[in-house]
Amino acid sequence: MAWVNITEAEMDTVLAGFTPVPVEKTLEKVYSKLIRKGDSPVCVRVFSTIQDGANRGVGEDAIRVTLVTKLDGVVKTIGRSKRVYRTDNWKTNLAKRLESVEELIGPSCPKCQSAMQLRKGAHGEFWGCVAYPKCNGTEKA
């Protein structure tokens, strides 16, 4: 598959319903959408590879989908999907990542109702509170 150029207008159309947000230490356009409200809201963010209205060069980056929450004023990443490469089928692949993003979010924490993320421990995978170490809520995966 060949690399394709993605325009900012295309990205804006594909991500209708998302809002562009400034993100420190990144030069690319980042889109965000709130998917869970509460004390620790969860947003899906799409890092687009669009910089100054155009794509970065071939091989410089791929579209990335992450989940973030804000705790005590600090944005914390709680999950990531596989990268979306800028190939002919990028729109289909991005849609698949966005459809499956809910799988990256665990249940609400039984102690503080914050989001939970999948973690690996000595006894296997489990859901752990993103507010750790303030909260040590866990659930079986």
Protein backbone atom coordinates (compact mmCIF):
# COMPACT_ATOMS: atom_id res chain seq x y z
CA MET A 1 0.00 0.00 0.00
CA ALA A 2 1.19 3.46 -0.82
CA TRP A 3 1.39 6.42 1.51
CA VAL A 4 -1.33 9.03 0.91
CA ASN A 5 -1.54 12.71 1.68
CA ILE A 6 -4.36 13.62 4.06
CA THR A 7 -5.57 17.19 4.01
CA GLU A 8 -6.71 19.08 7.07
CA ALA A 9 -10.16 19.44 5.46
CA GLU A 10 -10.40 15.62 5.06
CA MET A 11 -9.39 15.08 8.67
CA ASP A 12 -11.91 17.70 9.85
CA THR A 13 -14.66 15.91 7.89
CA VAL A 14 -13.75 12.43 9.14
CA LEU A 15 -13.58 13.69 12.73
CA ALA A 16 -16.80 15.72 12.66
CA GLY A 17 -18.02 15.93 16.26
CA PHE A 18 -14.46 16.21 17.60
CA THR A 19 -12.97 19.50 18.75
CA PRO A 20 -9.41 20.62 18.00
CA VAL A 21 -7.48 21.07 21.26
CA PRO A 22 -4.02 22.43 22.02
CA VAL A 23 -1.67 19.82 23.43
CA GLU A 24 1.69 20.77 24.92
CA LYS A 25 4.83 19.49 23.20
CA THR A 26 3.11 18.51 19.96
CA LEU A 27 3.07 20.44 16.73
CA GLU A 28 0.33 18.40 15.05
CA LYS A 29 -3.39 19.07 15.15
CA VAL A 30 -5.09 17.09 17.93
CA TYR A 31 -8.82 16.39 18.04
CA SER A 32 -10.73 15.52 21.22
CA LYS A 33 -14.17 14.18 22.13
CA LEU A 34 -15.63 13.62 25.61
CA ILE A 35 -16.91 10.05 25.93
CA ARG A 36 -17.42 9.71 29.70
CA LYS A 37 -18.41 12.43 32.16
CA GLY A 38 -17.78 12.43 35.89
CA ASP A 39 -15.08 13.29 38.41
CA SER A 40 -12.46 11.90 36.04
CA PRO A 41 -13.89 12.54 32.57
CA VAL A 42 -12.53 10.45 29.70
CA CYS A 43 -11.78 11.89 26.28
CA VAL A 44 -10.67 10.21 23.10
CA ARG A 45 -7.91 12.14 21.35
CA VAL A 46 -6.78 11.74 17.78
CA PHE A 47 -3.27 12.91 16.93
CA SER A 48 -3.69 13.64 13.23
CA THR A 49 -0.20 14.15 11.74
CA ILE A 50 -1.56 17.45 10.35
CA GLN A 51 0.92 20.23 10.97
CA ASP A 52 0.48 23.77 9.62
CA GLY A 53 -2.44 22.58 7.47
CA ALA A 54 -0.60 19.69 5.78
CA ASN A 55 0.72 16.20 6.52
CA ARG A 56 4.15 15.57 7.87
CA GLY A 57 6.49 13.76 5.50
CA VAL A 58 6.44 10.07 4.63
CA GLY A 59 7.40 7.92 7.61
CA GLU A 60 7.44 10.81 10.08
CA ASP A 61 4.29 9.81 11.91
CA ALA A 62 1.02 7.91 11.93
CA ILE A 63 -2.43 8.80 13.21
CA ARG A 64 -2.72 7.85 16.88
CA VAL A 65 -5.85 7.34 19.00
CA THR A 66 -5.51 7.68 22.77
CA LEU A 67 -7.77 7.87 25.80
CA VAL A 68 -7.04 10.49 28.41
CA THR A 69 -8.46 11.64 31.71
CA LYS A 70 -7.71 14.65 33.86
CA LEU A 71 -6.72 14.10 37.49
CA ASP A 72 -5.77 17.00 39.75
CA GLY A 73 -5.36 19.22 36.69
CA VAL A 74 -2.97 16.79 34.97
CA VAL A 75 -3.92 14.98 31.74
CA LYS A 76 -3.12 11.28 32.00
CA THR A 77 -3.14 8.76 29.15
CA ILE A 78 -5.15 5.67 30.09
CA GLY A 79 -5.15 3.74 26.82
CA ARG A 80 -3.90 3.62 23.24
CA SER A 81 -5.02 1.80 20.13
CA LYS A 82 -2.82 0.55 17.30
CA ARG A 83 -1.53 3.26 14.97
CA VAL A 84 -3.38 4.17 11.81
CA TYR A 85 -0.96 4.45 8.92
CA ARG A 86 -1.59 6.92 6.13
CA THR A 87 -2.41 4.35 3.48
CA ASP A 88 -5.35 4.19 1.06
CA ASN A 89 -7.59 2.64 3.73
CA TRP A 90 -6.77 5.11 6.53
CA LYS A 91 -10.41 6.24 6.93
CA THR A 92 -11.64 2.66 7.42
CA ASN A 93 -8.83 1.86 9.85
CA LEU A 94 -9.41 5.06 11.85
CA ALA A 95 -13.15 4.30 12.06
CA LYS A 96 -12.33 0.82 13.41
CA ARG A 97 -10.02 2.28 16.08
CA LEU A 98 -12.66 4.80 17.13
CA GLU A 99 -15.36 2.10 17.30
CA SER A 100 -13.19 -0.09 19.54
CA VAL A 101 -11.91 2.69 21.80
CA GLU A 102 -14.55 1.90 24.45
CA GLU A 103 -12.81 -1.46 24.99
CA LEU A 104 -9.81 0.46 26.34
CA ILE A 105 -11.90 1.93 29.17
CA GLY A 106 -12.63 -0.28 32.09
CA PRO A 107 -15.47 -0.05 34.54
CA SER A 108 -15.74 2.88 36.92
CA CYS A 109 -13.66 2.47 40.05
CA PRO A 110 -15.70 0.88 42.85
CA LYS A 111 -14.05 3.21 45.40
CA CYS A 112 -13.91 6.64 43.75
CA GLN A 113 -15.82 6.27 40.44
CA SER A 114 -12.78 7.33 38.37
CA ALA A 115 -11.95 5.57 35.12
CA MET A 116 -9.95 2.36 35.30
CA GLN A 117 -7.26 1.05 32.99
CA LEU A 118 -6.05 -2.44 32.22
CA ARG A 119 -2.87 -3.28 34.09
CA LYS A 120 -0.65 -6.33 34.41
CA GLY A 121 0.36 -7.71 37.77
CA ALA A 122 2.00 -10.79 39.23
CA HIS A 123 -1.30 -12.68 39.00
CA GLY A 124 -2.33 -11.50 35.52
CA GLU A 125 -4.34 -8.61 34.12
CA PHE A 126 -6.69 -6.50 36.24
CA TRP A 127 -8.47 -3.15 36.10
CA GLY A 128 -6.73 -0.52 38.24
CA CYS A 129 -7.94 2.95 39.18
CA VAL A 130 -6.28 5.75 37.21
CA ALA A 131 -6.16 7.80 40.40
CA TYR A 132 -3.60 5.40 41.93
CA PRO A 133 -1.84 5.93 44.38
CA LYS A 134 -4.58 8.19 45.84
CA CYS A 135 -7.05 5.37 45.23
CA ASN A 136 -6.19 1.68 45.08
CA GLY A 137 -9.48 0.42 43.63
CA THR A 138 -9.19 -2.70 41.47
CA GLU A 139 -11.42 -5.20 39.67
CA LYS A 140 -10.76 -8.49 37.93
CA ALA A 141 -10.29 -8.23 34.19
